Amino acid sequence: MGGMSRTGRGRGRARAEIAVVRVLEKRLGALPVVAEFGRRLRIAEIIDELCPVRPVAWVSHGEVIEALVANRLTAPAPLVRVEEWAAAMAVEEAYGIGPHLLNDDRIARALDALAPQLDAVIGGVGAAAISEFGVDVARLHWDMTSISLYGAYPEADGEYPAPRWGHPKDRRPDLKQVQAGLAVAAGGGIPVFHRAYDGGAAEVAQVTGAMTALKKIAGPRTFLLVGDSKLISYTNAAAMNAQGVGFVAPLAAARVPDGLFAALPAGAGAAVDYAAGRDAGKPAAARGSYRVLEDGGMDLAGRRKADPPVHLRRILVYSSANAAGAAKARALKLGKAAAELDKLVHTAGTRFHPTEDAVAARVQAITTQRRVKAYLRTAITLNPAGRPVLSWHFDQAAIDAEAAADGWHALLTNLEPGQASAEQVFRRYKGQHAVERRYGEFKGPLAVAPLFLKTNRRITALITVICLALLIFCLAERQVRKALAPHAEMMTGLPGYGPAPARPTGRTIFQALAGLRLIPAHDGNPATIPKPAGVQARLLDLLGTDISRPRWLTQ
């Protein structure tokens, strides 16, 4: 492993004079894996083509961004002290970048340079993932999430997504946010596209732009776009029809015609042989069941009278698990509301609720908190002493009408019946959990906590860094699972599972590789890596990574 003190990207360039403090050992971790996947995705190459630096620069913008991607995957913590991380890790040996070159100022300049070229970088790396790793983009799942930010950001750069107050998914209403959209391929949940948005941007308004960008990445390939209810609007449906893009998304409950589900006969729909992931391992009798049926469809109207309506197929789906959950939730809130109302019956007219207005205010509070307005009926009268008296009951007919719709939801699609049956539409939508899972990793193993950077320009670029890390995270998981296909994608020795077989995840793969170490070159001896054994050796073999060779010798 000679030549590991390289500090620039040109092989013929004179090396910087760097004072080296010898250490007995450095952490190598998954750096060789990350470096190899980054090379195949052409991350540094694409960025350097779009964001060139002066020939005398010791390190390019692409190399800095690659190092930041590795930082996200091997030390997911707030983006501070990267230089210290690089010194403790074998970054110089794996990437040829001296730790001192990853100081805060150099990182900031790389993020600033990356920001204006994000669309081209995202498109180029996404296309590389499709061609190099054979990612199938026939079905893509789209969703958005929020990222909370520390700081006020009173003067955001208008060319980049602005931090704003919104509806944070991490329940931090005290912080401003930006949003990120992610499109993942159904096979393996590979995030081939992402984009940052204003913190207050409406999700429904971002679909058309994302769809157009995805068409560029997919090239001549056709794809199906699957999303949540925010996907459905007249503008989005008309645009996707015009572009020849198929889609499937649920109809928001508020837009379901009154009485649609309640009017269905008991047991309506054809049974579907489908088991949810939560039911894996359960006996057949204990698993949730599904039924689907197709009704007459639904027309979406445009804002103008001249807009031709967009007709969509409507697939009605019944889930026994959802029905049971709805019934349980309703019984729970009715029970809590009843207990509070009974207590109010006794306290009405006392010092706690002495007047009609006080009793009415408490009734309103209970109604709102317990969400029982649809079926709560109350009356407040005065007794001979002039004190308020409360009587109440639940309208059983209203409860029964709501219960009749338990477990039902609707899916809308522009796919023709010849392209997908009602059951096939349902099955394609059920893959939507893939993008939700990736957001869990975006904020979990990659540790996207509330962010603080000085400008929204750098925040936008950092979101791309994190998403590139997520792409490698997911590709590694996919490659290991594909290699384990003859063994039902199971292996032993993974962290947290011991001798029990388990399906590798990006999290367990990177955890297992975290223990790899490197002994730096010293006294004329080359750097050496203690031979991996056990699960580490097995994973490196499945990933096709030779950790004895520095990345740049394979270019």
Protein backbone atom coordinates (compact mmCIF):
# COMPACT_ATOMS: atom_id res chain seq x y z
CA MET A 1 0.00 0.00 0.00
CA GLY A 2 2.68 2.46 -1.03
CA GLY A 3 2.10 6.04 -2.08
CA MET A 4 -0.40 6.77 0.66
CA SER A 5 0.78 10.27 1.52
CA ARG A 6 -0.63 11.74 -1.70
CA THR A 7 -2.27 15.09 -0.91
CA GLY A 8 -3.47 16.21 -4.33
CA ARG A 9 -5.38 14.62 -7.15
CA GLY A 10 -2.67 14.85 -9.81
CA ARG A 11 -0.23 11.93 -9.68
CA GLY A 12 2.65 14.00 -11.02
CA ARG A 13 2.15 16.95 -8.66
CA ALA A 14 4.76 17.72 -6.00
CA ARG A 15 3.58 16.67 -2.59
CA ALA A 16 2.98 19.09 0.24
CA GLU A 17 5.43 19.11 3.09
CA ILE A 18 3.32 17.73 5.93
CA ALA A 19 4.55 17.06 9.43
CA VAL A 20 3.32 13.55 10.29
CA VAL A 21 2.60 12.57 13.85
CA ARG A 22 3.00 8.82 14.05
CA VAL A 23 0.23 6.83 15.57
CA LEU A 24 0.19 3.16 16.33
CA GLU A 25 -3.11 2.63 14.63
CA LYS A 26 -5.86 4.40 12.71
CA ARG A 27 -9.47 3.49 12.24
CA LEU A 28 -10.12 2.27 8.71
CA GLY A 29 -13.72 1.22 9.10
CA ALA A 30 -15.79 1.17 5.90
CA LEU A 31 -13.63 3.79 4.14
CA PRO A 32 -12.43 1.37 1.41
CA VAL A 33 -16.02 0.39 0.67
CA VAL A 34 -17.20 3.99 0.55
CA ALA A 35 -14.25 4.99 -1.65
CA GLU A 36 -14.92 2.16 -4.11
CA PHE A 37 -18.62 2.93 -4.40
CA GLY A 38 -17.82 6.63 -4.77
CA ARG A 39 -15.42 5.83 -7.61
CA ARG A 40 -18.02 3.76 -9.44
CA LEU A 41 -20.57 6.53 -9.02
CA ARG A 42 -18.02 9.05 -10.36
CA ILE A 43 -18.85 11.49 -7.54
CA ALA A 44 -15.54 13.36 -7.48
CA GLU A 45 -15.17 13.16 -11.25
CA ILE A 46 -18.61 14.65 -11.92
CA ILE A 47 -18.15 17.42 -9.35
CA ASP A 48 -14.68 18.31 -10.62
CA GLU A 49 -15.94 18.58 -14.18
CA LEU A 50 -18.62 21.03 -13.04
CA CYS A 51 -16.68 22.79 -10.25
CA PRO A 52 -13.01 22.98 -11.32
CA VAL A 53 -10.30 24.39 -9.05
CA ARG A 54 -6.99 26.05 -9.86
CA PRO A 55 -4.24 23.61 -10.91
CA VAL A 56 -2.17 24.55 -7.87
CA ALA A 57 -4.90 23.50 -5.42
CA TRP A 58 -3.86 20.68 -3.11
CA VAL A 59 -7.31 19.10 -3.16
CA SER A 60 -10.28 19.44 -5.50
CA HIS A 61 -13.88 20.23 -4.61
CA GLY A 62 -14.87 16.72 -5.68
CA GLU A 63 -12.35 15.15 -3.33
CA VAL A 64 -13.57 17.27 -0.41
CA ILE A 65 -17.19 16.31 -1.08
CA GLU A 66 -16.22 12.63 -1.33
CA ALA A 67 -14.51 12.92 2.03
CA LEU A 68 -17.62 14.52 3.52
CA VAL A 69 -19.70 11.64 2.16
CA ALA A 70 -17.33 9.22 3.89
CA ASN A 71 -17.63 11.29 7.07
CA ARG A 72 -21.41 10.93 7.02
CA LEU A 73 -21.13 7.15 6.64
CA THR A 74 -18.42 6.51 9.21
CA ALA A 75 -18.96 9.25 11.82
CA PRO A 76 -22.56 10.46 11.63
CA ALA A 77 -22.44 13.40 14.00
CA PRO A 78 -22.78 17.16 13.64
CA LEU A 79 -20.53 18.43 10.86
CA VAL A 80 -17.79 19.80 13.10
CA ARG A 81 -14.16 18.84 13.66
CA VAL A 82 -13.95 16.98 10.34
CA GLU A 83 -10.21 17.57 10.37
CA GLU A 84 -9.93 15.64 13.65
CA TRP A 85 -12.07 12.84 12.24
CA ALA A 86 -9.82 12.60 9.18
CA ALA A 87 -6.70 12.41 11.37
CA ALA A 88 -8.15 9.61 13.50
CA MET A 89 -9.49 7.72 10.47
CA ALA A 90 -7.34 6.45 7.62
CA VAL A 91 -8.63 9.17 5.30
CA GLU A 92 -5.17 10.03 4.00
CA GLU A 93 -4.49 6.37 3.19
CA ALA A 94 -7.92 5.69 1.65
CA TYR A 95 -8.41 8.98 -0.20
CA GLY A 96 -4.97 10.56 -0.38
CA ILE A 97 -6.17 13.71 1.38
CA GLY A 98 -4.18 15.15 4.27
CA PRO A 99 -6.42 15.78 7.30
CA HIS A 100 -5.39 19.44 7.48
CA LEU A 101 -6.95 19.94 4.02
CA LEU A 102 -10.39 19.22 5.48
CA ASN A 103 -10.53 22.30 7.66
CA ASP A 104 -13.74 24.28 8.11
CA ASP A 105 -12.79 26.95 5.56
CA ARG A 106 -12.01 24.38 2.83
CA ILE A 107 -15.23 22.50 3.50
CA ALA A 108 -17.24 25.73 3.29
CA ARG A 109 -15.64 26.63 -0.06
CA ALA A 110 -16.42 23.16 -1.44
CA LEU A 111 -20.08 23.43 -0.36
CA ASP A 112 -20.30 26.93 -1.87
CA ALA A 113 -18.88 25.65 -5.16
CA LEU A 114 -21.18 22.62 -5.23
CA ALA A 115 -24.44 24.49 -4.58
CA PRO A 116 -24.89 26.13 -8.05
CA GLN A 117 -24.29 22.78 -9.80
CA LEU A 118 -26.53 20.56 -7.71
CA ASP A 119 -29.02 19.65 -10.44
CA ALA A 120 -26.24 18.51 -12.77
CA VAL A 121 -24.42 16.62 -10.01
CA ILE A 122 -27.58 14.88 -8.81
CA GLY A 123 -28.53 13.95 -12.37
CA GLY A 124 -25.05 12.71 -13.22
CA VAL A 125 -24.63 10.58 -10.11
CA GLY A 126 -28.20 9.25 -10.41
CA ALA A 127 -27.56 8.23 -14.01
CA ALA A 128 -24.26 6.60 -12.96
CA ALA A 129 -26.10 4.58 -10.29
CA ILE A 130 -28.58 3.36 -12.89
CA SER A 131 -25.96 2.37 -15.47
CA GLU A 132 -23.12 1.17 -13.23
CA PHE A 133 -25.21 -0.78 -10.70
CA GLY A 134 -28.11 -1.78 -12.95
CA VAL A 135 -30.72 0.00 -10.81
CA ASP A 136 -34.19 -0.62 -12.24
CA VAL A 137 -36.18 2.62 -12.36
CA ALA A 138 -39.38 1.13 -13.75
CA ARG A 139 -41.07 2.08 -10.46
CA LEU A 140 -40.00 5.04 -8.35
CA HIS A 141 -41.38 6.01 -4.96
CA TRP A 142 -41.48 9.73 -4.10
CA ASP A 143 -41.93 11.51 -0.78
CA MET A 144 -40.75 14.61 1.10
CA THR A 145 -39.56 15.22 4.64
CA SER A 146 -38.47 18.19 6.73
CA ILE A 147 -35.06 18.99 8.25
CA SER A 148 -34.99 21.34 11.24
CA LEU A 149 -32.40 24.11 11.46
CA TYR A 150 -30.81 25.96 14.32
CA GLY A 151 -30.47 29.70 13.71
CA ALA A 152 -32.72 32.53 12.53
CA TYR A 153 -31.52 32.89 8.90
CA PRO A 154 -33.09 36.34 8.48
CA GLU A 155 -31.43 36.99 5.10
CA ALA A 156 -31.54 33.77 3.09
CA ASP A 157 -30.04 33.64 -0.41
CA GLY A 158 -33.00 33.78 -2.78
CA GLU A 159 -31.37 31.37 -5.25
CA TYR A 160 -31.54 28.48 -2.79
CA PRO A 161 -34.28 26.89 -0.63
CA ALA A 162 -35.10 29.25 2.22
CA PRO A 163 -35.41 28.18 5.86
CA ARG A 164 -39.00 28.85 6.90
CA TRP A 165 -41.56 27.88 9.47
CA GLY A 166 -43.57 24.88 8.38
CA HIS A 167 -45.05 21.61 9.59
CA PRO A 168 -41.96 19.76 10.86
CA LYS A 169 -42.09 16.00 10.84
CA ASP A 170 -39.69 15.83 13.79
CA ARG A 171 -42.09 17.84 15.97
CA ARG A 172 -39.76 20.79 16.43
CA PRO A 173 -42.12 23.73 15.80
CA ASP A 174 -39.62 25.97 17.58
CA LEU A 175 -37.16 25.61 14.68
CA LYS A 176 -37.24 26.72 11.08
CA GLN A 177 -36.90 24.03 8.47
CA VAL A 178 -35.99 23.17 4.91
CA GLN A 179 -37.49 20.20 3.09
CA ALA A 180 -36.03 17.41 1.02
CA GLY A 181 -37.69 15.23 -1.58
CA LEU A 182 -36.44 11.73 -2.34
CA ALA A 183 -37.19 9.30 -5.16
CA VAL A 184 -36.14 5.70 -4.59
CA ALA A 185 -36.18 2.79 -7.00
CA ALA A 186 -38.50 -0.01 -5.95
CA GLY A 187 -35.83 -2.70 -6.31
CA GLY A 188 -33.62 -2.27 -3.26
CA GLY A 189 -34.96 1.16 -2.34
CA ILE A 190 -32.08 2.99 -4.07
CA PRO A 191 -32.38 6.81 -3.83
CA VAL A 192 -31.59 7.87 -7.41
CA PHE A 193 -32.84 11.45 -7.07
CA HIS A 194 -33.22 14.11 -4.40
CA ARG A 195 -33.92 17.81 -4.19
CA ALA A 196 -34.10 20.45 -1.46
CA TYR A 197 -37.06 22.81 -1.09
CA ASP A 198 -38.13 25.85 0.91
CA GLY A 199 -39.22 25.08 4.45
CA GLY A 200 -42.76 26.25 3.70
CA ALA A 201 -43.10 24.78 0.19
CA ALA A 202 -46.31 22.88 -0.47
CA GLU A 203 -45.52 19.25 -1.26
CA VAL A 204 -48.19 18.99 -3.94
CA ALA A 205 -46.52 21.79 -5.95
CA GLN A 206 -43.15 20.01 -6.21
CA VAL A 207 -44.27 16.87 -8.01
CA THR A 208 -44.14 18.15 -11.59
CA GLY A 209 -40.57 19.46 -11.24
CA ALA A 210 -39.42 16.21 -9.65
CA MET A 211 -41.11 14.20 -12.40
CA THR A 212 -39.36 16.23 -15.10
CA ALA A 213 -35.97 15.73 -13.43
CA LEU A 214 -36.59 12.01 -13.08
CA LYS A 215 -37.37 11.72 -16.79
CA LYS A 216 -33.94 13.20 -17.55
CA ILE A 217 -32.22 10.72 -15.22
CA ALA A 218 -34.21 7.74 -16.53
CA GLY A 219 -33.53 8.68 -20.16
CA PRO A 220 -35.63 6.67 -22.62
CA ARG A 221 -36.88 4.35 -19.89
CA THR A 222 -40.51 4.65 -18.82
CA PHE A 223 -41.33 4.63 -15.14
CA LEU A 224 -44.21 4.57 -12.69
CA LEU A 225 -44.23 7.25 -9.99
CA VAL A 226 -45.70 6.21 -6.64
CA GLY A 227 -46.32 8.77 -3.91
CA ASP A 228 -48.54 9.81 -1.05
CA SER A 229 -51.75 11.83 -1.26
CA LYS A 230 -49.78 15.04 -1.97
CA LEU A 231 -49.12 13.63 -5.44
CA ILE A 232 -52.76 14.05 -6.40
CA SER A 233 -53.80 17.33 -7.97
CA TYR A 234 -55.26 18.33 -11.32
CA THR A 235 -52.00 20.01 -12.35
CA ASN A 236 -49.86 17.01 -11.43
CA ALA A 237 -52.16 14.45 -13.03
CA ALA A 238 -52.46 16.45 -16.24
CA ALA A 239 -48.67 16.94 -16.43
CA MET A 240 -47.94 13.25 -15.88
CA ASN A 241 -50.53 12.26 -18.47
CA ALA A 242 -48.94 14.66 -20.95
CA GLN A 243 -45.44 13.30 -20.26
CA GLY A 244 -46.52 9.67 -20.42
CA VAL A 245 -45.64 9.01 -16.78
CA GLY A 246 -47.83 6.56 -14.89
CA PHE A 247 -48.60 7.16 -11.23
CA VAL A 248 -50.31 5.61 -8.21
CA ALA A 249 -51.18 7.51 -5.03
CA PRO A 250 -53.80 7.38 -2.28
CA LEU A 251 -56.74 9.75 -2.27
CA ALA A 252 -56.68 11.96 0.83
CA ALA A 253 -59.43 11.02 3.29
CA ALA A 254 -60.87 14.54 3.10
CA ARG A 255 -61.45 14.10 -0.65
CA VAL A 256 -63.23 10.76 -0.44
CA PRO A 257 -66.90 11.25 -1.41
CA ASP A 258 -69.23 11.09 1.59
CA GLY A 259 -70.62 7.63 2.17
CA LEU A 260 -68.45 5.94 -0.47
CA PHE A 261 -67.05 3.29 1.85
CA ALA A 262 -70.04 3.02 4.18
CA ALA A 263 -72.25 2.12 1.22
CA LEU A 264 -70.15 -0.92 0.30
CA PRO A 265 -71.67 -4.29 1.24
CA ALA A 266 -69.97 -6.35 3.91
CA GLY A 267 -67.10 -8.38 2.49
CA ALA A 268 -66.94 -6.32 -0.71
CA GLY A 269 -63.90 -6.75 -2.94
CA ALA A 270 -61.67 -9.58 -4.08
CA ALA A 271 -59.20 -11.06 -1.61
CA VAL A 272 -55.51 -10.37 -2.29
CA ASP A 273 -52.79 -12.84 -1.37
CA TYR A 274 -50.52 -10.28 0.25
CA ALA A 275 -48.81 -10.23 3.63
CA ALA A 276 -47.53 -7.01 5.19
CA GLY A 277 -43.98 -6.92 6.50
CA ARG A 278 -45.26 -6.58 10.07
CA ASP A 279 -46.95 -9.98 9.68
CA ALA A 280 -43.82 -11.83 8.58
CA GLY A 281 -43.42 -14.96 10.65
CA LYS A 282 -47.00 -14.96 11.92
CA PRO A 283 -49.33 -17.90 11.28
CA ALA A 284 -51.61 -17.34 8.29
CA ALA A 285 -54.66 -16.98 10.53
CA ALA A 286 -53.00 -14.15 12.47
CA ARG A 287 -52.03 -12.09 9.45
CA GLY A 288 -53.93 -9.09 8.21
CA SER A 289 -56.01 -9.59 5.08
CA TYR A 290 -56.66 -7.31 2.11
CA ARG A 291 -59.44 -6.91 -0.44
CA VAL A 292 -59.58 -4.69 -3.51
CA LEU A 293 -62.25 -3.55 -5.91
CA GLU A 294 -62.48 -0.96 -8.65
CA ASP A 295 -65.38 1.45 -8.89
CA GLY A 296 -66.30 3.91 -11.61
CA GLY A 297 -63.28 6.13 -11.16
CA MET A 298 -62.94 9.81 -10.41
CA ASP A 299 -62.64 13.04 -12.40
CA LEU A 300 -60.26 15.80 -11.35
CA ALA A 301 -61.41 19.26 -12.43
CA GLY A 302 -59.10 22.13 -13.31
CA ARG A 303 -59.42 25.66 -12.01
CA ARG A 304 -60.70 27.01 -15.31
CA LYS A 305 -63.90 25.93 -16.99
CA ALA A 306 -61.95 25.30 -20.17
CA ASP A 307 -59.68 22.77 -18.45
CA PRO A 308 -60.62 19.27 -19.60
CA PRO A 309 -61.24 16.95 -16.63
CA VAL A 310 -58.65 14.27 -15.92
CA HIS A 311 -60.28 10.88 -15.43
CA LEU A 312 -58.49 8.47 -13.09
CA ARG A 313 -59.15 4.93 -12.06
CA ARG A 314 -60.09 4.53 -8.40
CA ILE A 315 -59.13 1.35 -6.56
CA LEU A 316 -60.80 0.77 -3.18
CA VAL A 317 -58.65 -1.18 -0.72
CA TYR A 318 -59.71 -2.85 2.53
CA SER A 319 -57.21 -3.80 5.24
CA SER A 320 -58.37 -5.88 8.20
CA ALA A 321 -55.42 -4.63 10.26
CA ASN A 322 -56.35 -1.02 9.57
CA ALA A 323 -59.98 -1.76 10.39
CA ALA A 324 -59.03 -3.30 13.71
CA GLY A 325 -56.73 -0.38 14.47
CA ALA A 326 -59.44 2.17 13.68
CA ALA A 327 -61.97 0.35 15.87
CA LYS A 328 -59.50 0.16 18.75
CA ALA A 329 -58.58 3.83 18.46
CA ARG A 330 -62.23 4.88 18.36
CA ALA A 331 -63.11 2.77 21.40
CA LEU A 332 -60.16 4.28 23.28
CA LYS A 333 -61.08 7.89 22.55
CA LEU A 334 -64.77 7.24 23.27
CA GLY A 335 -63.85 5.70 26.60
CA LYS A 336 -61.65 8.64 27.58
CA ALA A 337 -64.25 11.16 26.44
CA ALA A 338 -67.00 9.34 28.35
CA ALA A 339 -64.97 9.34 31.57
CA GLU A 340 -64.27 13.06 31.26
CA LEU A 341 -67.87 13.89 30.39
CA ASP A 342 -69.19 11.85 33.32
CA LYS A 343 -66.84 13.77 35.59
CA LEU A 344 -68.14 17.03 34.12
CA VAL A 345 -71.71 15.96 34.84
CA HIS A 346 -70.78 15.88 38.52
CA THR A 347 -68.76 19.10 38.53
CA ALA A 348 -71.26 21.17 36.51
CA GLY A 349 -72.73 23.84 38.76
CA THR A 350 -69.91 23.54 41.32
CA ARG A 351 -67.03 25.92 41.85
CA PHE A 352 -65.10 24.08 39.14
CA HIS A 353 -67.66 24.82 36.40
CA PRO A 354 -70.20 27.19 37.95
CA THR A 355 -71.86 28.61 34.80
CA GLU A 356 -73.31 27.43 31.52
CA ASP A 357 -70.40 29.03 29.69
CA ALA A 358 -67.87 27.25 31.87
CA VAL A 359 -69.54 23.88 31.25
CA ALA A 360 -69.83 24.57 27.52
CA ALA A 361 -66.15 25.52 27.35
CA ARG A 362 -65.15 22.28 29.05
CA VAL A 363 -67.38 20.26 26.70
CA GLN A 364 -65.71 21.96 23.75
CA ALA A 365 -62.26 21.16 25.13
CA ILE A 366 -63.15 17.49 25.59
CA THR A 367 -64.69 17.33 22.12
CA THR A 368 -61.59 18.79 20.49
CA GLN A 369 -59.02 16.84 22.47
CA ARG A 370 -60.75 13.49 22.08
CA ARG A 371 -61.97 14.16 18.52
CA VAL A 372 -65.57 13.05 19.17
CA LYS A 373 -67.45 15.92 17.54
CA ALA A 374 -68.99 13.67 14.89
CA TYR A 375 -70.97 11.64 17.41
CA LEU A 376 -71.19 13.57 20.68
CA ARG A 377 -74.59 15.04 21.52
CA THR A 378 -74.93 17.30 24.58
CA ALA A 379 -77.50 19.48 26.29
CA ILE A 380 -76.92 22.05 29.05
CA THR A 381 -79.95 23.11 31.08
CA LEU A 382 -80.53 24.97 34.33
CA ASN A 383 -81.93 23.32 37.44
CA PRO A 384 -84.43 25.13 39.73
CA ALA A 385 -81.51 26.60 41.63
CA GLY A 386 -80.18 28.16 38.41
CA ARG A 387 -77.16 25.89 38.22
CA PRO A 388 -76.10 24.28 34.92
CA VAL A 389 -76.86 20.60 34.35
CA LEU A 390 -75.11 18.59 31.63
CA SER A 391 -76.55 15.59 29.83
CA TRP A 392 -74.81 13.83 26.97
CA HIS A 393 -74.76 10.72 24.79
CA PHE A 394 -72.96 9.33 21.77
CA ASP A 395 -74.98 9.02 18.57
CA GLN A 396 -74.75 5.29 17.84
CA ALA A 397 -75.92 5.74 14.26
CA ALA A 398 -73.03 8.14 13.61
CA ILE A 399 -70.59 5.69 15.22
CA ASP A 400 -71.94 2.82 13.12
CA ALA A 401 -71.68 4.89 9.94
CA GLU A 402 -68.04 5.67 10.65
CA ALA A 403 -67.30 2.07 11.63
CA ALA A 404 -68.70 0.88 8.30
CA ALA A 405 -65.83 2.65 6.56
CA ASP A 406 -63.12 1.27 8.86
CA GLY A 407 -60.16 -0.23 7.03
CA TRP A 408 -60.96 1.29 3.63
CA HIS A 409 -58.91 3.72 1.59
CA ALA A 410 -58.76 4.64 -2.10
CA LEU A 411 -55.93 4.66 -4.61
CA LEU A 412 -55.94 6.73 -7.79
CA THR A 413 -53.97 5.86 -10.91
CA ASN A 414 -53.72 6.82 -14.56
CA LEU A 415 -52.62 3.31 -15.55
CA GLU A 416 -54.96 1.66 -18.01
CA PRO A 417 -56.63 -1.63 -16.97
CA GLY A 418 -54.47 -3.41 -19.54
CA GLN A 419 -51.34 -2.09 -17.83
CA ALA A 420 -52.31 -3.09 -14.30
CA SER A 421 -55.29 -4.78 -12.70
CA ALA A 422 -56.79 -3.46 -9.46
CA GLU A 423 -54.68 -5.95 -7.51
CA GLN A 424 -51.51 -4.97 -9.39
CA VAL A 425 -52.15 -1.29 -8.67
CA PHE A 426 -52.47 -2.16 -4.98
CA ARG A 427 -49.24 -4.18 -4.99
CA ARG A 428 -47.29 -1.41 -6.67
CA TYR A 429 -48.44 1.13 -4.13
CA LYS A 430 -47.49 -1.11 -1.18
CA GLY A 431 -43.84 -0.53 -2.01
CA GLN A 432 -44.16 3.06 -0.76
CA HIS A 433 -42.64 2.04 2.56
CA ALA A 434 -39.28 1.89 0.74
CA VAL A 435 -38.94 5.67 0.63
CA GLU A 436 -40.24 6.02 4.19
CA ARG A 437 -37.60 3.56 5.36
CA ARG A 438 -34.87 5.54 3.61
CA TYR A 439 -35.96 8.71 5.37
CA GLY A 440 -35.64 6.79 8.63
CA GLU A 441 -32.03 6.07 7.73
CA PHE A 442 -31.52 9.63 6.51
CA LYS A 443 -32.31 10.78 10.04
CA GLY A 444 -31.09 7.69 11.88
CA PRO A 445 -27.83 5.95 10.88
CA LEU A 446 -26.72 9.04 8.95
CA ALA A 447 -27.73 11.21 11.91
CA VAL A 448 -29.33 14.21 10.27
CA ALA A 449 -30.06 16.07 13.47
CA PRO A 450 -31.12 19.71 13.43
CA LEU A 451 -28.52 21.49 11.29
CA PHE A 452 -26.62 24.71 11.73
CA LEU A 453 -24.67 26.27 8.87
CA LYS A 454 -24.14 29.94 8.16
CA THR A 455 -25.99 30.09 4.83
CA ASN A 456 -28.88 28.30 3.17
CA ARG A 457 -26.58 27.86 0.15
CA ARG A 458 -24.38 25.54 2.22
CA ILE A 459 -27.38 23.83 3.80
CA THR A 460 -28.65 22.95 0.33
CA ALA A 461 -25.26 21.54 -0.67
CA LEU A 462 -24.97 19.58 2.58
CA ILE A 463 -28.33 17.92 1.93
CA THR A 464 -26.84 16.61 -1.32
CA VAL A 465 -23.78 15.34 0.58
CA ILE A 466 -26.08 13.46 2.95
CA CYS A 467 -28.15 12.06 0.08
CA LEU A 468 -25.02 10.87 -1.73
CA ALA A 469 -24.04 9.10 1.48
CA LEU A 470 -27.50 7.57 1.62
CA LEU A 471 -27.10 6.37 -1.97
CA ILE A 472 -23.88 4.50 -1.11
CA PHE A 473 -25.47 3.21 2.12
CA CYS A 474 -28.34 1.71 0.12
CA LEU A 475 -26.24 0.38 -2.75
CA ALA A 476 -24.02 -1.48 -0.27
CA GLU A 477 -27.08 -3.04 1.34
CA ARG A 478 -28.48 -4.03 -2.06
CA GLN A 479 -25.21 -5.57 -3.24
CA VAL A 480 -24.79 -7.69 -0.12
CA ARG A 481 -28.38 -8.90 -0.29
CA LYS A 482 -28.10 -9.76 -3.97
CA ALA A 483 -24.94 -11.76 -3.28
CA LEU A 484 -26.78 -13.57 -0.48
CA ALA A 485 -29.81 -14.37 -2.66
CA PRO A 486 -28.99 -18.12 -2.73
CA HIS A 487 -29.14 -18.02 1.08
CA ALA A 488 -32.47 -16.18 1.29
CA GLU A 489 -30.50 -12.94 1.84
CA MET A 490 -29.55 -14.12 5.34
CA MET A 491 -26.19 -14.30 7.09
CA THR A 492 -24.89 -14.77 10.62
CA GLY A 493 -22.61 -12.67 12.79
CA LEU A 494 -24.23 -9.29 12.16
CA PRO A 495 -24.10 -6.76 15.02
CA GLY A 496 -27.04 -7.17 17.35
CA TYR A 497 -27.97 -10.63 16.05
CA GLY A 498 -25.07 -12.79 17.24
CA PRO A 499 -25.25 -16.31 15.80
CA ALA A 500 -28.84 -15.81 14.62
CA PRO A 501 -29.27 -15.42 10.83
CA ALA A 502 -30.50 -12.00 9.73
CA ARG A 503 -30.91 -9.92 6.58
CA PRO A 504 -28.07 -7.39 6.36
CA THR A 505 -29.05 -3.74 6.37
CA GLY A 506 -26.96 -0.72 5.58
CA ARG A 507 -26.80 -0.04 9.31
CA THR A 508 -25.51 -3.49 10.31
CA ILE A 509 -23.07 -3.62 7.37
CA PHE A 510 -21.40 -0.35 8.31
CA GLN A 511 -21.47 -1.23 12.01
CA ALA A 512 -19.72 -4.53 11.31
CA LEU A 513 -17.02 -2.87 9.21
CA ALA A 514 -16.42 -0.05 11.71
CA GLY A 515 -13.87 -2.14 13.59
CA LEU A 516 -11.38 -2.41 10.72
CA ARG A 517 -8.00 -0.85 11.56
CA LEU A 518 -4.90 0.30 9.67
CA ILE A 519 -1.29 0.59 10.85
CA PRO A 520 0.24 3.62 9.09
CA ALA A 521 3.51 3.44 7.19
CA HIS A 522 6.53 3.92 9.45
CA ASP A 523 10.33 3.46 9.38
CA GLY A 524 10.25 2.56 5.70
CA ASN A 525 7.54 -0.05 6.17
CA PRO A 526 4.33 0.30 4.16
CA ALA A 527 0.97 0.74 5.78
CA THR A 528 -0.63 -2.54 6.73
CA ILE A 529 -4.12 -3.69 7.53
CA PRO A 530 -4.66 -6.53 10.00
CA LYS A 531 -6.35 -9.29 8.07
CA PRO A 532 -10.12 -9.13 8.53
CA ALA A 533 -11.83 -12.22 9.77
CA GLY A 534 -15.33 -13.46 10.44
CA VAL A 535 -18.23 -11.27 9.43
CA GLN A 536 -15.94 -8.45 8.27
CA ALA A 537 -14.14 -10.70 5.79
CA ARG A 538 -17.45 -12.12 4.63
CA LEU A 539 -18.96 -8.67 4.03
CA LEU A 540 -15.91 -7.39 2.17
CA ASP A 541 -16.07 -10.46 -0.07
CA LEU A 542 -19.79 -9.89 -0.74
CA LEU A 543 -19.09 -6.24 -1.49
CA GLY A 544 -16.22 -7.11 -3.81
CA THR A 545 -13.86 -4.75 -1.97
CA ASP A 546 -10.12 -5.42 -1.80
CA ILE A 547 -8.97 -3.33 1.15
CA SER A 548 -5.31 -3.99 0.43
CA ARG A 549 -5.34 -1.58 -2.53
CA PRO A 550 -5.76 2.18 -2.19
CA ARG A 551 -8.57 3.43 -4.37
CA TRP A 552 -6.59 5.64 -6.73
CA LEU A 553 -4.45 2.73 -8.03
CA THR A 554 -7.61 1.18 -9.50
CA GLN A 555 -8.64 4.28 -11.48
